[in-house]
PDB file of N, CA and C in Angstrom:
ATOM      1  N   MET A   1       2.081  11.946 -40.393  1.00  0.00           N
ATOM      2  CA  MET A   1       0.660  12.199 -40.237  1.00  0.00           C
ATOM      3  C   MET A   1       0.116  11.321 -39.118  1.00  0.00           C
ATOM      4  N   LYS A   2      -0.786  11.876 -38.344  1.00  0.00           N
ATOM      5  CA  LYS A   2      -1.352  11.173 -37.203  1.00  0.00           C
ATOM      6  C   LYS A   2      -2.350  10.116 -37.650  1.00  0.00           C
ATOM      7  N   ASN A   3      -2.228   8.909 -37.063  1.00  0.00           N
ATOM      8  CA  ASN A   3      -3.134   7.813 -37.382  1.00  0.00           C
ATOM      9  C   ASN A   3      -4.416   7.988 -36.576  1.00  0.00           C
ATOM     10  N   ASN A   4      -5.549   8.037 -37.228  1.00  0.00           N
ATOM     11  CA  ASN A   4      -6.829   8.275 -36.559  1.00  0.00           C
ATOM     12  C   ASN A   4      -7.705   7.027 -36.563  1.00  0.00           C
ATOM     13  N   ASP A   5      -7.111   5.865 -36.467  1.00  0.00           N
ATOM     14  CA  ASP A   5      -7.847   4.616 -36.510  1.00  0.00           C
ATOM     15  C   ASP A   5      -8.652   4.436 -35.218  1.00  0.00           C
ATOM     16  N   TRP A   6      -9.937   4.073 -35.323  1.00  0.00           N
ATOM     17  CA  TRP A   6     -10.789   3.941 -34.133  1.00  0.00           C
ATOM     18  C   TRP A   6     -10.329   2.813 -33.223  1.00  0.00           C
ATOM     19  N   LYS A   7      -9.632   1.799 -33.757  1.00  0.00           N
ATOM     20  CA  LYS A   7      -9.139   0.694 -32.935  1.00  0.00           C
ATOM     21  C   LYS A   7      -8.073   1.175 -31.953  1.00  0.00           C
ATOM     22  N   ASP A   8      -7.250   2.119 -32.387  1.00  0.00           N
ATOM     23  CA  ASP A   8      -6.214   2.658 -31.501  1.00  0.00           C
ATOM     24  C   ASP A   8      -6.831   3.466 -30.369  1.00  0.00           C
ATOM     25  N   ARG A   9      -7.908   4.151 -30.653  1.00  0.00           N
ATOM     26  CA  ARG A   9      -8.551   4.959 -29.607  1.00  0.00           C
ATOM     27  C   ARG A   9      -9.200   4.089 -28.542  1.00  0.00           C
ATOM     28  N   LEU A  10      -9.734   2.963 -28.928  1.00  0.00           N
ATOM     29  CA  LEU A  10     -10.404   2.097 -27.970  1.00  0.00           C
ATOM     30  C   LEU A  10      -9.411   1.249 -27.184  1.00  0.00           C
ATOM     31  N   GLY A  11      -8.288   0.924 -27.777  1.00  0.00           N
ATOM     32  CA  GLY A  11      -7.314   0.091 -27.098  1.00  0.00           C
ATOM     33  C   GLY A  11      -7.781  -1.343 -26.926  1.00  0.00           C
ATOM     34  N   MET A  12      -8.689  -1.787 -27.788  1.00  0.00           N
ATOM     35  CA  MET A  12      -9.257  -3.117 -27.668  1.00  0.00           C
ATOM     36  C   MET A  12      -8.955  -3.917 -28.928  1.00  0.00           C
ATOM     37  N   VAL A  13      -8.779  -5.205 -28.779  1.00  0.00           N
ATOM     38  CA  VAL A  13      -8.509  -6.085 -29.903  1.00  0.00           C
ATOM     39  C   VAL A  13      -9.765  -6.876 -30.212  1.00  0.00           C
ATOM     40  N   TYR A  14     -10.089  -6.990 -31.488  1.00  0.00           N
ATOM     41  CA  TYR A  14     -11.256  -7.762 -31.900  1.00  0.00           C
ATOM     42  C   TYR A  14     -10.835  -9.195 -32.197  1.00  0.00           C
ATOM     43  N   SER A  15     -11.640 -10.132 -31.777  1.00  0.00           N
ATOM     44  CA  SER A  15     -11.346 -11.532 -32.029  1.00  0.00           C
ATOM     45  C   SER A  15     -12.614 -12.249 -32.452  1.00  0.00           C
ATOM     46  N   THR A  16     -12.459 -13.180 -33.373  1.00  0.00           N
ATOM     47  CA  THR A  16     -13.598 -13.995 -33.792  1.00  0.00           C
ATOM     48  C   THR A  16     -13.736 -15.243 -32.941  1.00  0.00           C
ATOM     49  N   ASN A  17     -12.802 -15.458 -32.032  1.00  0.00           N
ATOM     50  CA  ASN A  17     -12.831 -16.605 -31.143  1.00  0.00           C
ATOM     51  C   ASN A  17     -13.934 -16.394 -30.098  1.00  0.00           C
ATOM     52  N   PRO A  18     -14.918 -17.305 -30.004  1.00  0.00           N
ATOM     53  CA  PRO A  18     -16.001 -17.113 -29.035  1.00  0.00           C
ATOM     54  C   PRO A  18     -15.536 -17.261 -27.583  1.00  0.00           C
ATOM     55  N   ASP A  19     -14.376 -17.878 -27.332  1.00  0.00           N
ATOM     56  CA  ASP A  19     -13.862 -18.037 -25.971  1.00  0.00           C
ATOM     57  C   ASP A  19     -12.863 -16.955 -25.592  1.00  0.00           C
ATOM     58  N   PHE A  20     -12.729 -15.913 -26.416  1.00  0.00           N
ATOM     59  CA  PHE A  20     -11.764 -14.851 -26.159  1.00  0.00           C
ATOM     60  C   PHE A  20     -12.154 -14.074 -24.907  1.00  0.00           C
ATOM     61  N   LYS A  21     -11.195 -13.891 -24.019  1.00  0.00           N
ATOM     62  CA  LYS A  21     -11.409 -13.112 -22.801  1.00  0.00           C
ATOM     63  C   LYS A  21     -10.541 -11.866 -22.891  1.00  0.00           C
ATOM     64  N   TYR A  22     -11.159 -10.709 -22.874  1.00  0.00           N
ATOM     65  CA  TYR A  22     -10.417  -9.459 -22.938  1.00  0.00           C
ATOM     66  C   TYR A  22      -9.744  -9.198 -21.595  1.00  0.00           C
ATOM     67  N   ASP A  23      -8.464  -8.895 -21.640  1.00  0.00           N
ATOM     68  CA  ASP A  23      -7.698  -8.610 -20.421  1.00  0.00           C
ATOM     69  C   ASP A  23      -7.874  -7.137 -20.074  1.00  0.00           C
ATOM     70  N   ILE A  24      -8.591  -6.871 -18.987  1.00  0.00           N
ATOM     71  CA  ILE A  24      -8.840  -5.483 -18.594  1.00  0.00           C
ATOM     72  C   ILE A  24      -7.770  -4.949 -17.657  1.00  0.00           C
ATOM     73  N   GLY A  25      -6.785  -5.752 -17.342  1.00  0.00           N
ATOM     74  CA  GLY A  25      -5.662  -5.276 -16.553  1.00  0.00           C
ATOM     75  C   GLY A  25      -5.850  -5.369 -15.057  1.00  0.00           C
ATOM     76  N   ASP A  26      -6.931  -5.937 -14.599  1.00  0.00           N
ATOM     77  CA  ASP A  26      -7.123  -6.090 -13.162  1.00  0.00           C
ATOM     78  C   ASP A  26      -6.195  -7.167 -12.640  1.00  0.00           C
ATOM     79  N   GLU A  27      -5.400  -6.802 -11.673  1.00  0.00           N
ATOM     80  CA  GLU A  27      -4.503  -7.777 -11.062  1.00  0.00           C
ATOM     81  C   GLU A  27      -5.127  -8.283  -9.769  1.00  0.00           C
ATOM     82  N   GLU A  28      -4.934  -9.546  -9.507  1.00  0.00           N
ATOM     83  CA  GLU A  28      -5.439 -10.087  -8.263  1.00  0.00           C
ATOM     84  C   GLU A  28      -4.560  -9.585  -7.124  1.00  0.00           C
ATOM     85  N   GLU A  29      -5.204  -9.248  -6.019  1.00  0.00           N
ATOM     86  CA  GLU A  29      -4.448  -8.774  -4.869  1.00  0.00           C
ATOM     87  C   GLU A  29      -3.714  -9.931  -4.225  1.00  0.00           C
ATOM     88  N   ALA A  30      -2.555  -9.616  -3.707  1.00  0.00           N
ATOM     89  CA  ALA A  30      -1.754 -10.637  -3.044  1.00  0.00           C
ATOM     90  C   ALA A  30      -2.447 -11.065  -1.759  1.00  0.00           C
ATOM     91  N   GLU A  31      -2.323 -12.332  -1.449  1.00  0.00           N
ATOM     92  CA  GLU A  31      -2.901 -12.838  -0.216  1.00  0.00           C
ATOM     93  C   GLU A  31      -2.095 -12.292   0.953  1.00  0.00           C
ATOM     94  N   THR A  32      -2.778 -11.871   1.990  1.00  0.00           N
ATOM     95  CA  THR A  32      -2.105 -11.275   3.139  1.00  0.00           C
ATOM     96  C   THR A  32      -1.360 -12.340   3.924  1.00  0.00           C
ATOM     97  N   LEU A  33      -0.080 -12.084   4.141  1.00  0.00           N
ATOM     98  CA  LEU A  33       0.737 -13.005   4.920  1.00  0.00           C
ATOM     99  C   LEU A  33       0.357 -12.912   6.399  1.00  0.00           C
ATOM    100  N   PRO A  34       0.601 -13.968   7.175  1.00  0.00           N
ATOM    101  CA  PRO A  34       0.363 -13.893   8.620  1.00  0.00           C
ATOM    102  C   PRO A  34       1.258 -12.820   9.261  1.00  0.00           C
ATOM    103  N   LYS A  35       0.829 -12.323  10.393  1.00  0.00           N
ATOM    104  CA  LYS A  35       1.551 -11.236  11.058  1.00  0.00           C
ATOM    105  C   LYS A  35       3.005 -11.581  11.337  1.00  0.00           C
ATOM    106  N   ASN A  36       3.281 -12.812  11.752  1.00  0.00           N
ATOM    107  CA  ASN A  36       4.658 -13.156  12.109  1.00  0.00           C
ATOM    108  C   ASN A  36       5.557 -13.320  10.890  1.00  0.00           C
ATOM    109  N   GLN A  37       5.007 -13.343   9.667  1.00  0.00           N
ATOM    110  CA  GLN A  37       5.812 -13.453   8.453  1.00  0.00           C
ATOM    111  C   GLN A  37       5.976 -12.117   7.727  1.00  0.00           C
ATOM    112  N   GLN A  38       5.282 -11.090   8.178  1.00  0.00           N
ATOM    113  CA  GLN A  38       5.392  -9.767   7.570  1.00  0.00           C
ATOM    114  C   GLN A  38       6.736  -9.139   7.941  1.00  0.00           C
ATOM    115  N   ARG A  39       7.443  -8.586   6.959  1.00  0.00           N
ATOM    116  CA  ARG A  39       8.725  -7.917   7.204  1.00  0.00           C
ATOM    117  C   ARG A  39       8.513  -6.419   7.040  1.00  0.00           C
ATOM    118  N   LEU A  40       8.025  -5.785   8.084  1.00  0.00           N
ATOM    119  CA  LEU A  40       7.723  -4.363   8.041  1.00  0.00           C
ATOM    120  C   LEU A  40       8.959  -3.548   8.397  1.00  0.00           C
ATOM    121  N   ARG A  41       9.156  -2.433   7.697  1.00  0.00           N
ATOM    122  CA  ARG A  41      10.266  -1.530   7.952  1.00  0.00           C
ATOM    123  C   ARG A  41       9.702  -0.163   8.282  1.00  0.00           C
ATOM    124  N   VAL A  42      10.150   0.397   9.394  1.00  0.00           N
ATOM    125  CA  VAL A  42       9.676   1.696   9.862  1.00  0.00           C
ATOM    126  C   VAL A  42      10.812   2.699   9.691  1.00  0.00           C
ATOM    127  N   ARG A  43      10.499   3.843   9.064  1.00  0.00           N
ATOM    128  CA  ARG A  43      11.518   4.875   8.871  1.00  0.00           C
ATOM    129  C   ARG A  43      10.904   6.256   9.054  1.00  0.00           C
ATOM    130  N   MET A  44      11.788   7.221   9.291  1.00  0.00           N
ATOM    131  CA  MET A  44      11.380   8.614   9.427  1.00  0.00           C
ATOM    132  C   MET A  44      11.657   9.319   8.105  1.00  0.00           C
ATOM    133  N   GLU A  45      10.826  10.297   7.780  1.00  0.00           N
ATOM    134  CA  GLU A  45      11.025  11.059   6.554  1.00  0.00           C
ATOM    135  C   GLU A  45      10.597  12.496   6.780  1.00  0.00           C
ATOM    136  N   LYS A  46      11.363  13.419   6.208  1.00  0.00           N
ATOM    137  CA  LYS A  46      11.068  14.834   6.366  1.00  0.00           C
ATOM    138  C   LYS A  46      11.100  15.564   5.019  1.00  0.00           C
ATOM    139  N   ASN A  47      11.677  14.938   4.013  1.00  0.00           N
ATOM    140  CA  ASN A  47      11.848  15.581   2.707  1.00  0.00           C
ATOM    141  C   ASN A  47      10.527  15.800   1.993  1.00  0.00           C
ATOM    142  N   GLY A  48      10.364  16.989   1.429  1.00  0.00           N
ATOM    143  CA  GLY A  48       9.195  17.290   0.616  1.00  0.00           C
ATOM    144  C   GLY A  48       7.902  17.407   1.396  1.00  0.00           C
ATOM    145  N   ARG A  49       7.974  17.628   2.684  1.00  0.00           N
ATOM    146  CA  ARG A  49       6.765  17.699   3.515  1.00  0.00           C
ATOM    147  C   ARG A  49       6.683  19.004   4.287  1.00  0.00           C
ATOM    148  N   GLY A  50       7.327  20.025   3.775  1.00  0.00           N
ATOM    149  CA  GLY A  50       7.254  21.342   4.415  1.00  0.00           C
ATOM    150  C   GLY A  50       7.886  21.370   5.790  1.00  0.00           C
ATOM    151  N   GLY A  51       8.903  20.568   6.029  1.00  0.00           N
ATOM    152  CA  GLY A  51       9.575  20.543   7.317  1.00  0.00           C
ATOM    153  C   GLY A  51       8.903  19.666   8.353  1.00  0.00           C
ATOM    154  N   LYS A  52       7.780  19.058   8.004  1.00  0.00           N
ATOM    155  CA  LYS A  52       7.067  18.178   8.943  1.00  0.00           C
ATOM    156  C   LYS A  52       7.683  16.785   8.910  1.00  0.00           C
ATOM    157  N   THR A  53       7.739  16.142  10.064  1.00  0.00           N
ATOM    158  CA  THR A  53       8.278  14.792  10.163  1.00  0.00           C
ATOM    159  C   THR A  53       7.142  13.787  10.130  1.00  0.00           C
ATOM    160  N   VAL A  54       7.344  12.721   9.372  1.00  0.00           N
ATOM    161  CA  VAL A  54       6.367  11.640   9.322  1.00  0.00           C
ATOM    162  C   VAL A  54       7.075  10.316   9.552  1.00  0.00           C
ATOM    163  N   THR A  55       6.319   9.336  10.037  1.00  0.00           N
ATOM    164  CA  THR A  55       6.808   7.978  10.217  1.00  0.00           C
ATOM    165  C   THR A  55       6.164   7.120   9.135  1.00  0.00           C
ATOM    166  N   ILE A  56       6.977   6.357   8.416  1.00  0.00           N
ATOM    167  CA  ILE A  56       6.483   5.549   7.312  1.00  0.00           C
ATOM    168  C   ILE A  56       6.706   4.072   7.614  1.00  0.00           C
ATOM    169  N   VAL A  57       5.645   3.279   7.454  1.00  0.00           N
ATOM    170  CA  VAL A  57       5.719   1.829   7.622  1.00  0.00           C
ATOM    171  C   VAL A  57       5.589   1.227   6.231  1.00  0.00           C
ATOM    172  N   ALA A  58       6.619   0.502   5.790  1.00  0.00           N
ATOM    173  CA  ALA A  58       6.644  -0.087   4.448  1.00  0.00           C
ATOM    174  C   ALA A  58       6.891  -1.586   4.538  1.00  0.00           C
ATOM    175  N   GLY A  59       6.629  -2.287   3.452  1.00  0.00           N
ATOM    176  CA  GLY A  59       6.925  -3.707   3.377  1.00  0.00           C
ATOM    177  C   GLY A  59       5.751  -4.622   3.636  1.00  0.00           C
ATOM    178  N   PHE A  60       4.541  -4.085   3.747  1.00  0.00           N
ATOM    179  CA  PHE A  60       3.366  -4.915   4.003  1.00  0.00           C
ATOM    180  C   PHE A  60       3.014  -5.697   2.752  1.00  0.00           C
ATOM    181  N   VAL A  61       2.814  -7.004   2.897  1.00  0.00           N
ATOM    182  CA  VAL A  61       2.423  -7.865   1.780  1.00  0.00           C
ATOM    183  C   VAL A  61       0.996  -8.328   2.039  1.00  0.00           C
ATOM    184  N   GLY A  62       0.077  -7.908   1.174  1.00  0.00           N
ATOM    185  CA  GLY A  62      -1.312  -8.302   1.349  1.00  0.00           C
ATOM    186  C   GLY A  62      -2.249  -7.374   0.620  1.00  0.00           C
ATOM    187  N   SER A  63      -3.514  -7.492   0.939  1.00  0.00           N
ATOM    188  CA  SER A  63      -4.540  -6.706   0.255  1.00  0.00           C
ATOM    189  C   SER A  63      -4.535  -5.265   0.761  1.00  0.00           C
ATOM    190  N   ASP A  64      -5.062  -4.387  -0.082  1.00  0.00           N
ATOM    191  CA  ASP A  64      -5.150  -2.978   0.282  1.00  0.00           C
ATOM    192  C   ASP A  64      -6.071  -2.773   1.478  1.00  0.00           C
ATOM    193  N   ALA A  65      -7.123  -3.570   1.573  1.00  0.00           N
ATOM    194  CA  ALA A  65      -8.064  -3.440   2.685  1.00  0.00           C
ATOM    195  C   ALA A  65      -7.376  -3.763   4.017  1.00  0.00           C
ATOM    196  N   ASP A  66      -6.539  -4.806   4.031  1.00  0.00           N
ATOM    197  CA  ASP A  66      -5.818  -5.158   5.258  1.00  0.00           C
ATOM    198  C   ASP A  66      -4.796  -4.087   5.627  1.00  0.00           C
ATOM    199  N   LEU A  67      -4.153  -3.497   4.613  1.00  0.00           N
ATOM    200  CA  LEU A  67      -3.192  -2.424   4.865  1.00  0.00           C
ATOM    201  C   LEU A  67      -3.892  -1.199   5.446  1.00  0.00           C
ATOM    202  N   LYS A  68      -5.048  -0.849   4.886  1.00  0.00           N
ATOM    203  CA  LYS A  68      -5.810   0.290   5.410  1.00  0.00           C
ATOM    204  C   LYS A  68      -6.276   0.028   6.836  1.00  0.00           C
ATOM    205  N   GLU A  69      -6.663  -1.204   7.109  1.00  0.00           N
ATOM    206  CA  GLU A  69      -7.099  -1.560   8.464  1.00  0.00           C
ATOM    207  C   GLU A  69      -5.944  -1.420   9.457  1.00  0.00           C
ATOM    208  N   LEU A  70      -4.741  -1.880   9.068  1.00  0.00           N
ATOM    209  CA  LEU A  70      -3.568  -1.737   9.934  1.00  0.00           C
ATOM    210  C   LEU A  70      -3.226  -0.266  10.139  1.00  0.00           C
ATOM    211  N   GLY A  71      -3.309   0.528   9.074  1.00  0.00           N
ATOM    212  CA  GLY A  71      -3.046   1.961   9.192  1.00  0.00           C
ATOM    213  C   GLY A  71      -4.031   2.651  10.119  1.00  0.00           C
ATOM    214  N   LYS A  72      -5.289   2.298  10.009  1.00  0.00           N
ATOM    215  CA  LYS A  72      -6.317   2.885  10.881  1.00  0.00           C
ATOM    216  C   LYS A  72      -6.068   2.499  12.341  1.00  0.00           C
ATOM    217  N   TRP A  73      -5.690   1.237  12.553  1.00  0.00           N
ATOM    218  CA  TRP A  73      -5.417   0.772  13.915  1.00  0.00           C
ATOM    219  C   TRP A  73      -4.217   1.522  14.509  1.00  0.00           C
ATOM    220  N   LEU A  74      -3.142   1.672  13.725  1.00  0.00           N
ATOM    221  CA  LEU A  74      -1.948   2.380  14.209  1.00  0.00           C
ATOM    222  C   LEU A  74      -2.263   3.838  14.537  1.00  0.00           C
ATOM    223  N   LYS A  75      -2.951   4.517  13.633  1.00  0.00           N
ATOM    224  CA  LYS A  75      -3.270   5.927  13.861  1.00  0.00           C
ATOM    225  C   LYS A  75      -4.179   6.098  15.074  1.00  0.00           C
ATOM    226  N   GLY A  76      -5.095   5.166  15.263  1.00  0.00           N
ATOM    227  CA  GLY A  76      -5.978   5.231  16.428  1.00  0.00           C
ATOM    228  C   GLY A  76      -5.236   5.015  17.733  1.00  0.00           C
ATOM    229  N   ARG A  77      -4.310   4.062  17.741  1.00  0.00           N
ATOM    230  CA  ARG A  77      -3.536   3.788  18.953  1.00  0.00           C
ATOM    231  C   ARG A  77      -2.608   4.949  19.309  1.00  0.00           C
ATOM    232  N   LEU A  78      -2.086   5.632  18.279  1.00  0.00           N
ATOM    233  CA  LEU A  78      -1.172   6.746  18.518  1.00  0.00           C
ATOM    234  C   LEU A  78      -1.910   8.067  18.717  1.00  0.00           C
ATOM    235  N   GLY A  79      -3.147   8.141  18.277  1.00  0.00           N
ATOM    236  CA  GLY A  79      -3.915   9.369  18.419  1.00  0.00           C
ATOM    237  C   GLY A  79      -3.452  10.465  17.475  1.00  0.00           C
ATOM    238  N   VAL A  80      -3.020  10.087  16.274  1.00  0.00           N
ATOM    239  CA  VAL A  80      -2.529  11.058  15.300  1.00  0.00           C
ATOM    240  C   VAL A  80      -3.191  10.808  13.953  1.00  0.00           C
ATOM    241  N   GLY A  81      -2.924  11.693  13.007  1.00  0.00           N
ATOM    242  CA  GLY A  81      -3.445  11.539  11.658  1.00  0.00           C
ATOM    243  C   GLY A  81      -2.446  10.833  10.766  1.00  0.00           C
ATOM    244  N   GLY A  82      -2.855  10.637   9.544  1.00  0.00           N
ATOM    245  CA  GLY A  82      -1.981   9.991   8.577  1.00  0.00           C
ATOM    246  C   GLY A  82      -2.791   9.466   7.416  1.00  0.00           C
ATOM    247  N   SER A  83      -2.147   8.630   6.595  1.00  0.00           N
ATOM    248  CA  SER A  83      -2.832   8.070   5.436  1.00  0.00           C
ATOM    249  C   SER A  83      -2.151   6.778   5.007  1.00  0.00           C
ATOM    250  N   VAL A  84      -2.781   6.115   4.046  1.00  0.00           N
ATOM    251  CA  VAL A  84      -2.219   4.909   3.447  1.00  0.00           C
ATOM    252  C   VAL A  84      -2.136   5.180   1.954  1.00  0.00           C
ATOM    253  N   LYS A  85      -0.906   5.231   1.422  1.00  0.00           N
ATOM    254  CA  LYS A  85      -0.697   5.522   0.007  1.00  0.00           C
ATOM    255  C   LYS A  85       0.368   4.615  -0.556  1.00  0.00           C
ATOM    256  N   GLU A  86       0.122   4.087  -1.741  1.00  0.00           N
ATOM    257  CA  GLU A  86       1.106   3.326  -2.504  1.00  0.00           C
ATOM    258  C   GLU A  86       1.774   2.220  -1.693  1.00  0.00           C
ATOM    259  N   GLY A  87       1.003   1.511  -0.903  1.00  0.00           N
ATOM    260  CA  GLY A  87       1.532   0.376  -0.150  1.00  0.00           C
ATOM    261  C   GLY A  87       2.288   0.759   1.113  1.00  0.00           C
ATOM    262  N   GLU A  88       2.183   2.001   1.543  1.00  0.00           N
ATOM    263  CA  GLU A  88       2.866   2.452   2.758  1.00  0.00           C
ATOM    264  C   GLU A  88       1.879   3.136   3.689  1.00  0.00           C
ATOM    265  N   ILE A  89       2.136   2.997   4.980  1.00  0.00           N
ATOM    266  CA  ILE A  89       1.345   3.689   5.989  1.00  0.00           C
ATOM    267  C   ILE A  89       2.131   4.915   6.399  1.00  0.00           C
ATOM    268  N   ILE A  90       1.512   6.085   6.309  1.00  0.00           N
ATOM    269  CA  ILE A  90       2.157   7.339   6.671  1.00  0.00           C
ATOM    270  C   ILE A  90       1.482   7.856   7.934  1.00  0.00           C
ATOM    271  N   VAL A  91       2.281   8.004   9.007  1.00  0.00           N
ATOM    272  CA  VAL A  91       1.776   8.494  10.292  1.00  0.00           C
ATOM    273  C   VAL A  91       2.408   9.845  10.557  1.00  0.00           C
ATOM    274  N   GLN A  92       1.597  10.844  10.882  1.00  0.00           N
ATOM    275  CA  GLN A  92       2.118  12.180  11.126  1.00  0.00           C
ATOM    276  C   GLN A  92       2.866  12.225  12.450  1.00  0.00           C
ATOM    277  N   GLY A  93       4.102  12.705  12.413  1.00  0.00           N
ATOM    278  CA  GLY A  93       4.888  12.881  13.632  1.00  0.00           C
ATOM    279  C   GLY A  93       6.035  11.896  13.746  1.00  0.00           C
ATOM    280  N   ASP A  94       6.834  12.109  14.790  1.00  0.00           N
ATOM    281  CA  ASP A  94       8.023  11.294  15.059  1.00  0.00           C
ATOM    282  C   ASP A  94       7.659  10.191  16.048  1.00  0.00           C
ATOM    283  N   PHE A  95       7.184   9.051  15.527  1.00  0.00           N
ATOM    284  CA  PHE A  95       6.712   7.957  16.368  1.00  0.00           C
ATOM    285  C   PHE A  95       7.381   6.634  16.026  1.00  0.00           C
ATOM    286  N   LYS A  96       8.614   6.666  15.536  1.00  0.00           N
ATOM    287  CA  LYS A  96       9.270   5.446  15.065  1.00  0.00           C
ATOM    288  C   LYS A  96       9.332   4.362  16.138  1.00  0.00           C
ATOM    289  N   SER A  97       9.820   4.691  17.322  1.00  0.00           N
ATOM    290  CA  SER A  97       9.965   3.663  18.369  1.00  0.00           C
ATOM    291  C   SER A  97       8.610   3.177  18.870  1.00  0.00           C
ATOM    292  N   ARG A  98       7.637   4.066  18.987  1.00  0.00           N
ATOM    293  CA  ARG A  98       6.302   3.652  19.443  1.00  0.00           C
ATOM    294  C   ARG A  98       5.606   2.771  18.414  1.00  0.00           C
ATOM    295  N   VAL A  99       5.794   3.085  17.125  1.00  0.00           N
ATOM    296  CA  VAL A  99       5.188   2.271  16.070  1.00  0.00           C
ATOM    297  C   VAL A  99       5.791   0.874  16.084  1.00  0.00           C
ATOM    298  N   ILE A 100       7.115   0.787  16.218  1.00  0.00           N
ATOM    299  CA  ILE A 100       7.773  -0.525  16.271  1.00  0.00           C
ATOM    300  C   ILE A 100       7.265  -1.324  17.461  1.00  0.00           C
ATOM    301  N   ASP A 101       7.171  -0.684  18.627  1.00  0.00           N
ATOM    302  CA  ASP A 101       6.677  -1.376  19.822  1.00  0.00           C
ATOM    303  C   ASP A 101       5.237  -1.855  19.638  1.00  0.00           C
ATOM    304  N   LEU A 102       4.370  -1.008  19.083  1.00  0.00           N
ATOM    305  CA  LEU A 102       2.965  -1.395  18.877  1.00  0.00           C
ATOM    306  C   LEU A 102       2.850  -2.565  17.903  1.00  0.00           C
ATOM    307  N   LEU A 103       3.635  -2.528  16.839  1.00  0.00           N
ATOM    308  CA  LEU A 103       3.578  -3.611  15.858  1.00  0.00           C
ATOM    309  C   LEU A 103       4.080  -4.923  16.446  1.00  0.00           C
ATOM    310  N   LYS A 104       5.131  -4.863  17.246  1.00  0.00           N
ATOM    311  CA  LYS A 104       5.655  -6.090  17.857  1.00  0.00           C
ATOM    312  C   LYS A 104       4.661  -6.668  18.857  1.00  0.00           C
ATOM    313  N   VAL A 105       3.996  -5.817  19.631  1.00  0.00           N
ATOM    314  CA  VAL A 105       2.993  -6.290  20.586  1.00  0.00           C
ATOM    315  C   VAL A 105       1.810  -6.921  19.842  1.00  0.00           C
ATOM    316  N   ASP A 106       1.475  -6.387  18.680  1.00  0.00           N
ATOM    317  CA  ASP A 106       0.351  -6.902  17.894  1.00  0.00           C
ATOM    318  C   ASP A 106       0.692  -8.186  17.146  1.00  0.00           C
ATOM    319  N   GLY A 107       1.961  -8.597  17.122  1.00  0.00           N
ATOM    320  CA  GLY A 107       2.318  -9.856  16.490  1.00  0.00           C
ATOM    321  C   GLY A 107       3.216  -9.755  15.277  1.00  0.00           C
ATOM    322  N   TYR A 108       3.562  -8.555  14.868  1.00  0.00           N
ATOM    323  CA  TYR A 108       4.460  -8.355  13.731  1.00  0.00           C
ATOM    324  C   TYR A 108       5.896  -8.440  14.260  1.00  0.00           C
ATOM    325  N   THR A 109       6.418  -9.656  14.385  1.00  0.00           N
ATOM    326  CA  THR A 109       7.682  -9.886  15.069  1.00  0.00           C
ATOM    327  C   THR A 109       8.904  -9.491  14.247  1.00  0.00           C
ATOM    328  N   GLN A 110       8.794  -9.416  12.914  1.00  0.00           N
ATOM    329  CA  GLN A 110       9.952  -9.097  12.076  1.00  0.00           C
ATOM    330  C   GLN A 110       9.979  -7.613  11.702  1.00  0.00           C
ATOM    331  N   THR A 111       9.623  -6.757  12.631  1.00  0.00           N
ATOM    332  CA  THR A 111       9.583  -5.321  12.395  1.00  0.00           C
ATOM    333  C   THR A 111      10.884  -4.678  12.843  1.00  0.00           C
ATOM    334  N   LYS A 112      11.424  -3.813  11.997  1.00  0.00           N
ATOM    335  CA  LYS A 112      12.639  -3.056  12.341  1.00  0.00           C
ATOM    336  C   LYS A 112      12.420  -1.592  12.060  1.00  0.00           C
TER     337      LYS A 112
END
């Protein structure tokens, strides 16, 4: 038989402790490493994209805002579209060598 307890539906624990802090699951964002310490990896991908080729930049350590800013800068310099999803920058097209060159010029020295 299905348990219909209201506590299970809320997912919250009751405490009589006045200093109790409910953990809402928010994780603190990682501090963004300096450009010369970032280990970015650039790869090409074609699977599951309707035959279209994309360039993916992975390995960025830092806040989502900094990652989005880097993605916007890359897409603007290349003049193409793309997105930032799940910690990766996705650039439309085959731009692996140009992306590596742009990142190295910008200070990301450990880019491959």
